[in-house]
N, C-alpha and C. Protein backbone atom coordinates (compact mmCIF):
# COMPACT_ATOMS: atom_id res chain seq x y z
N MET A 1 -10.60 17.11 5.53
CA MET A 1 -9.46 16.92 5.81
C MET A 1 -9.01 18.21 6.60
N TYR A 2 -7.98 16.94 7.54
CA TYR A 2 -8.15 18.17 8.25
C TYR A 2 -5.87 17.75 8.79
N LYS A 3 -5.62 18.78 8.90
CA LYS A 3 -3.47 18.82 8.97
C LYS A 3 -2.96 20.14 10.25
N LYS A 4 -2.05 19.12 9.83
CA LYS A 4 -1.17 20.34 11.22
C LYS A 4 0.50 19.72 10.78
N ASP A 5 0.83 20.95 11.66
CA ASP A 5 3.03 20.74 11.50
C ASP A 5 2.97 20.34 12.86
N VAL A 6 4.34 20.03 12.83
CA VAL A 6 5.14 19.46 14.04
C VAL A 6 6.23 19.28 14.06
N VAL A 7 7.09 20.02 14.60
CA VAL A 7 8.19 19.84 14.73
C VAL A 7 8.68 18.17 15.42
N VAL A 8 10.17 17.38 14.70
CA VAL A 8 10.36 16.56 15.30
C VAL A 8 11.48 16.68 16.03
N GLU A 9 11.28 16.52 17.74
CA GLU A 9 11.91 17.04 18.36
C GLU A 9 13.18 16.07 18.88
N ASN A 10 12.99 14.37 18.72
CA ASN A 10 13.72 13.63 19.58
C ASN A 10 15.09 13.56 18.09
N GLN A 11 16.47 12.90 18.60
CA GLN A 11 17.29 13.11 17.98
C GLN A 11 17.77 12.14 16.64
N VAL A 12 16.60 10.94 16.87
CA VAL A 12 16.83 9.93 15.63
C VAL A 12 15.83 10.48 14.81
N GLY A 13 15.09 11.50 15.13
CA GLY A 13 13.72 11.53 13.95
C GLY A 13 12.87 10.18 13.72
N LEU A 14 12.28 10.27 12.35
CA LEU A 14 11.18 9.38 12.47
C LEU A 14 11.87 7.61 11.65
N HIS A 15 13.11 7.31 12.37
CA HIS A 15 13.31 6.56 12.00
C HIS A 15 13.73 5.02 12.91
N ALA A 16 13.26 4.08 11.99
CA ALA A 16 13.40 2.71 12.73
C ALA A 16 12.18 2.72 13.51
N ARG A 17 12.58 2.43 15.12
CA ARG A 17 11.28 2.06 15.85
C ARG A 17 10.37 3.01 16.15
N PRO A 18 11.10 4.85 16.38
CA PRO A 18 10.22 5.51 16.56
C PRO A 18 9.04 5.30 15.85
N ALA A 19 9.51 5.25 14.36
CA ALA A 19 8.54 5.11 12.38
C ALA A 19 7.30 4.10 13.02
N THR A 20 7.68 2.69 13.49
CA THR A 20 7.18 1.44 13.65
C THR A 20 6.17 2.00 14.50
N TYR A 21 6.28 2.86 15.98
CA TYR A 21 5.20 3.35 16.23
C TYR A 21 4.27 4.56 16.32
N PHE A 22 5.44 5.24 15.11
CA PHE A 22 3.89 5.89 14.35
C PHE A 22 3.11 5.49 13.61
N ILE A 23 3.37 4.06 12.76
CA ILE A 23 2.91 3.95 11.50
C ILE A 23 2.13 3.17 12.60
N GLN A 24 1.79 2.01 13.83
CA GLN A 24 0.89 1.50 14.63
C GLN A 24 -0.27 2.27 15.07
N ARG A 25 0.23 3.27 15.46
CA ARG A 25 -0.21 4.32 15.42
C ARG A 25 -1.26 4.67 14.69
N ALA A 26 -1.08 5.46 14.09
CA ALA A 26 -1.58 5.41 12.70
C ALA A 26 -2.72 4.91 11.95
N ASN A 27 -2.20 3.41 12.12
CA ASN A 27 -3.29 2.00 11.43
C ASN A 27 -4.06 2.01 12.14
N GLU A 28 -4.23 2.73 13.89
CA GLU A 28 -5.65 2.40 14.35
C GLU A 28 -7.09 3.57 14.32
N TYR A 29 -6.43 4.40 12.97
CA TYR A 29 -7.58 4.89 12.36
C TYR A 29 -8.08 4.90 10.82
N ASN A 30 -9.39 4.53 11.02
CA ASN A 30 -10.02 4.55 9.64
C ASN A 30 -9.92 5.36 8.89
N SER A 31 -9.46 6.46 8.92
CA SER A 31 -9.00 7.67 7.69
C SER A 31 -8.10 7.35 7.26
N SER A 32 -7.97 7.97 6.07
CA SER A 32 -6.49 7.92 5.14
C SER A 32 -5.68 8.90 5.64
N ILE A 33 -4.24 8.80 6.07
CA ILE A 33 -3.52 9.62 6.51
C ILE A 33 -1.91 9.56 5.72
N TRP A 34 -1.52 10.54 5.96
CA TRP A 34 -0.66 11.00 5.14
C TRP A 34 0.70 11.87 6.20
N VAL A 35 2.44 11.75 5.88
CA VAL A 35 2.97 12.18 6.28
C VAL A 35 3.81 13.17 5.22
N GLU A 36 4.46 14.61 5.26
CA GLU A 36 4.50 15.29 4.05
C GLU A 36 5.53 15.93 4.50
N LYS A 37 7.23 15.77 4.21
CA LYS A 37 7.90 16.70 4.16
C LYS A 37 8.35 17.32 3.32
N GLU A 38 8.39 18.95 3.39
CA GLU A 38 8.48 19.79 2.37
C GLU A 38 7.55 19.06 1.12
N LYS A 39 7.90 18.97 -0.20
CA LYS A 39 6.86 18.55 -0.83
C LYS A 39 6.61 17.11 -1.40
N ASN A 40 6.87 16.14 -0.49
CA ASN A 40 6.68 14.70 -0.99
C ASN A 40 5.79 14.15 0.34
N ARG A 41 5.24 13.40 0.07
CA ARG A 41 3.80 13.13 1.10
C ARG A 41 3.94 11.64 0.82
N MET A 42 3.81 10.80 1.87
CA MET A 42 4.14 9.15 1.14
C MET A 42 2.80 8.69 3.11
N ASN A 43 2.15 7.59 2.62
CA ASN A 43 0.91 6.93 3.15
C ASN A 43 1.17 6.79 4.82
N ALA A 44 0.78 7.78 5.96
CA ALA A 44 1.28 7.57 7.37
C ALA A 44 1.00 5.81 7.99
N LYS A 45 0.55 5.12 7.09
CA LYS A 45 0.37 3.68 7.08
C LYS A 45 1.27 2.49 6.54
N SER A 46 3.02 3.09 6.12
CA SER A 46 4.00 2.68 5.77
C SER A 46 5.14 2.41 5.72
N LEU A 47 5.33 2.02 6.48
CA LEU A 47 6.97 1.32 6.89
C LEU A 47 7.99 2.17 5.86
N LEU A 48 7.82 1.48 4.43
CA LEU A 48 8.70 2.02 4.10
C LEU A 48 7.99 4.05 3.47
N GLY A 49 7.50 4.30 3.36
CA GLY A 49 7.01 5.27 3.07
C GLY A 49 7.26 6.28 3.97
N VAL A 50 6.94 5.71 4.95
CA VAL A 50 7.68 7.15 6.25
C VAL A 50 9.23 7.11 6.06
N LEU A 51 9.55 6.08 6.29
CA LEU A 51 10.89 5.88 6.38
C LEU A 51 11.87 6.48 5.18
N SER A 52 11.31 6.59 4.34
CA SER A 52 11.65 7.00 2.79
C SER A 52 12.04 8.72 2.66
N LEU A 53 10.91 9.27 3.74
CA LEU A 53 11.07 10.88 3.41
C LEU A 53 11.94 11.32 4.21
N GLY A 54 12.67 10.31 5.04
CA GLY A 54 13.84 10.46 5.64
C GLY A 54 13.79 11.65 6.87
N ILE A 55 13.16 11.86 7.90
CA ILE A 55 13.01 12.83 9.00
C ILE A 55 13.75 12.47 9.96
N LEU A 56 14.45 12.99 10.15
CA LEU A 56 15.98 13.68 11.21
C LEU A 56 15.35 14.91 12.30
N GLY A 57 15.96 14.36 13.14
CA GLY A 57 15.29 15.40 14.25
C GLY A 57 15.31 17.05 13.55
N GLY A 58 14.27 17.34 14.21
CA GLY A 58 14.32 19.26 14.03
C GLY A 58 13.61 18.63 12.63
N SER A 59 13.12 18.21 11.58
CA SER A 59 12.47 18.30 10.58
C SER A 59 11.08 18.58 11.16
N LYS A 60 10.45 20.13 10.07
CA LYS A 60 9.43 20.04 10.01
C LYS A 60 8.05 19.34 9.45
N ILE A 61 7.16 18.38 9.84
CA ILE A 61 6.67 17.43 9.12
C ILE A 61 5.09 18.17 8.56
N ARG A 62 4.24 17.58 8.12
CA ARG A 62 2.42 17.92 8.18
C ARG A 62 2.05 16.42 8.07
N ILE A 63 1.10 16.59 9.48
CA ILE A 63 0.88 15.55 9.33
C ILE A 63 -1.11 15.49 8.69
N ILE A 64 -1.52 14.63 7.98
CA ILE A 64 -2.45 14.95 7.16
C ILE A 64 -3.99 13.74 7.06
N ALA A 65 -4.85 14.13 7.64
CA ALA A 65 -6.05 12.86 7.49
C ALA A 65 -7.67 13.37 6.66
N ASP A 66 -8.04 12.41 6.58
CA ASP A 66 -9.62 12.44 5.84
C ASP A 66 -9.80 11.57 5.83
N GLY A 67 -11.24 11.32 6.43
CA GLY A 67 -11.88 10.09 6.95
C GLY A 67 -13.11 10.83 8.36
N SER A 68 -13.28 9.56 8.59
CA SER A 68 -14.27 10.07 9.79
C SER A 68 -13.82 10.46 11.09
N ASP A 69 -12.70 9.89 10.86
CA ASP A 69 -11.73 10.12 12.64
C ASP A 69 -10.65 11.63 12.53
N GLU A 70 -10.75 12.00 11.62
CA GLU A 70 -9.26 12.79 11.49
C GLU A 70 -9.13 13.37 11.96
N HIS A 71 -9.51 13.98 12.52
CA HIS A 71 -9.54 15.31 14.19
C HIS A 71 -8.40 14.45 14.62
N ASP A 72 -9.20 12.92 15.14
CA ASP A 72 -8.27 12.57 16.50
C ASP A 72 -7.46 11.92 16.10
N ALA A 73 -6.87 10.93 14.45
CA ALA A 73 -5.94 10.54 13.91
C ALA A 73 -4.78 12.10 14.63
N VAL A 74 -5.26 12.95 13.96
CA VAL A 74 -3.80 13.58 13.38
C VAL A 74 -3.32 14.50 14.62
N GLU A 75 -4.40 14.40 15.94
CA GLU A 75 -4.30 15.15 17.07
C GLU A 75 -2.99 13.95 17.96
N ASP A 76 -4.07 13.03 17.63
CA ASP A 76 -2.98 11.99 18.80
C ASP A 76 -1.52 11.54 17.79
N LEU A 77 -1.30 11.39 16.20
CA LEU A 77 -0.27 11.38 16.23
C LEU A 77 0.61 12.33 16.20
N VAL A 78 0.15 14.01 16.67
CA VAL A 78 0.98 14.59 17.13
C VAL A 78 1.28 14.87 18.33
N ARG A 79 0.22 14.45 18.96
CA ARG A 79 1.14 14.37 20.39
C ARG A 79 1.79 13.51 20.57
N LEU A 80 2.05 11.92 20.07
CA LEU A 80 3.21 11.47 19.98
C LEU A 80 4.90 11.87 19.83
N VAL A 81 4.56 12.58 18.31
CA VAL A 81 5.56 13.20 18.08
C VAL A 81 6.09 14.02 19.09
N ASN A 82 5.33 14.83 19.30
CA ASN A 82 5.97 15.66 20.63
C ASN A 82 5.90 15.46 21.49
N SER A 83 6.05 14.49 21.89
CA SER A 83 6.52 13.30 23.73
C SER A 83 7.85 12.39 22.87
N GLY A 84 8.00 13.16 21.83
CA GLY A 84 9.46 12.42 21.62
C GLY A 84 9.70 11.20 21.73
N PHE A 85 9.08 10.64 21.54
CA PHE A 85 8.19 8.94 21.45
C PHE A 85 8.53 8.16 23.10
N SER A 86 7.94 9.18 23.73
CA SER A 86 7.96 9.26 25.13
C SER A 86 7.84 7.33 25.57
N ASP A 87 8.15 6.59 26.71
CA ASP A 87 6.88 5.43 26.69
C ASP A 87 6.16 5.29 27.16
N SER A 88 5.25 6.59 27.87
CA SER A 88 4.37 6.88 28.49
C SER A 88 3.31 6.91 27.45
N GLU A 89 3.59 7.80 25.89
CA GLU A 89 2.71 7.81 24.55
C GLU A 89 3.16 6.59 23.76
N ILE A 90 4.39 5.78 23.86
CA ILE A 90 4.49 4.19 23.16
C ILE A 90 3.21 3.30 23.59
N GLN A 91 3.16 3.09 25.34
CA GLN A 91 2.24 2.08 25.58
C GLN A 91 0.99 2.28 25.19
N ASN A 92 0.73 3.39 24.60
CA ASN A 92 -0.84 3.69 24.22
C ASN A 92 -1.09 3.01 22.70
N VAL A 93 -0.16 2.81 22.41
CA VAL A 93 0.15 1.79 21.04
C VAL A 93 -0.49 0.34 20.70
């Protein structure tokens, strides 16, 4: 299991379009992946799960993965969040 904390810097947080990009990226990996905000943990491959966390700009989240590509999955998703969901990072989805 590999996990890392990251602060969501973009204004809208993980809502609508950014959440969709996040989930698409998470689905590229074989590992089980979760997003945790405060004490709530949801499947990072589920749009409803991620949206239900209510992740706003400035929120601290934890990305957790367990599986054969867990390290790559977490690092890639952290990089996507840190990019503010920039066009160059999204094109890699």
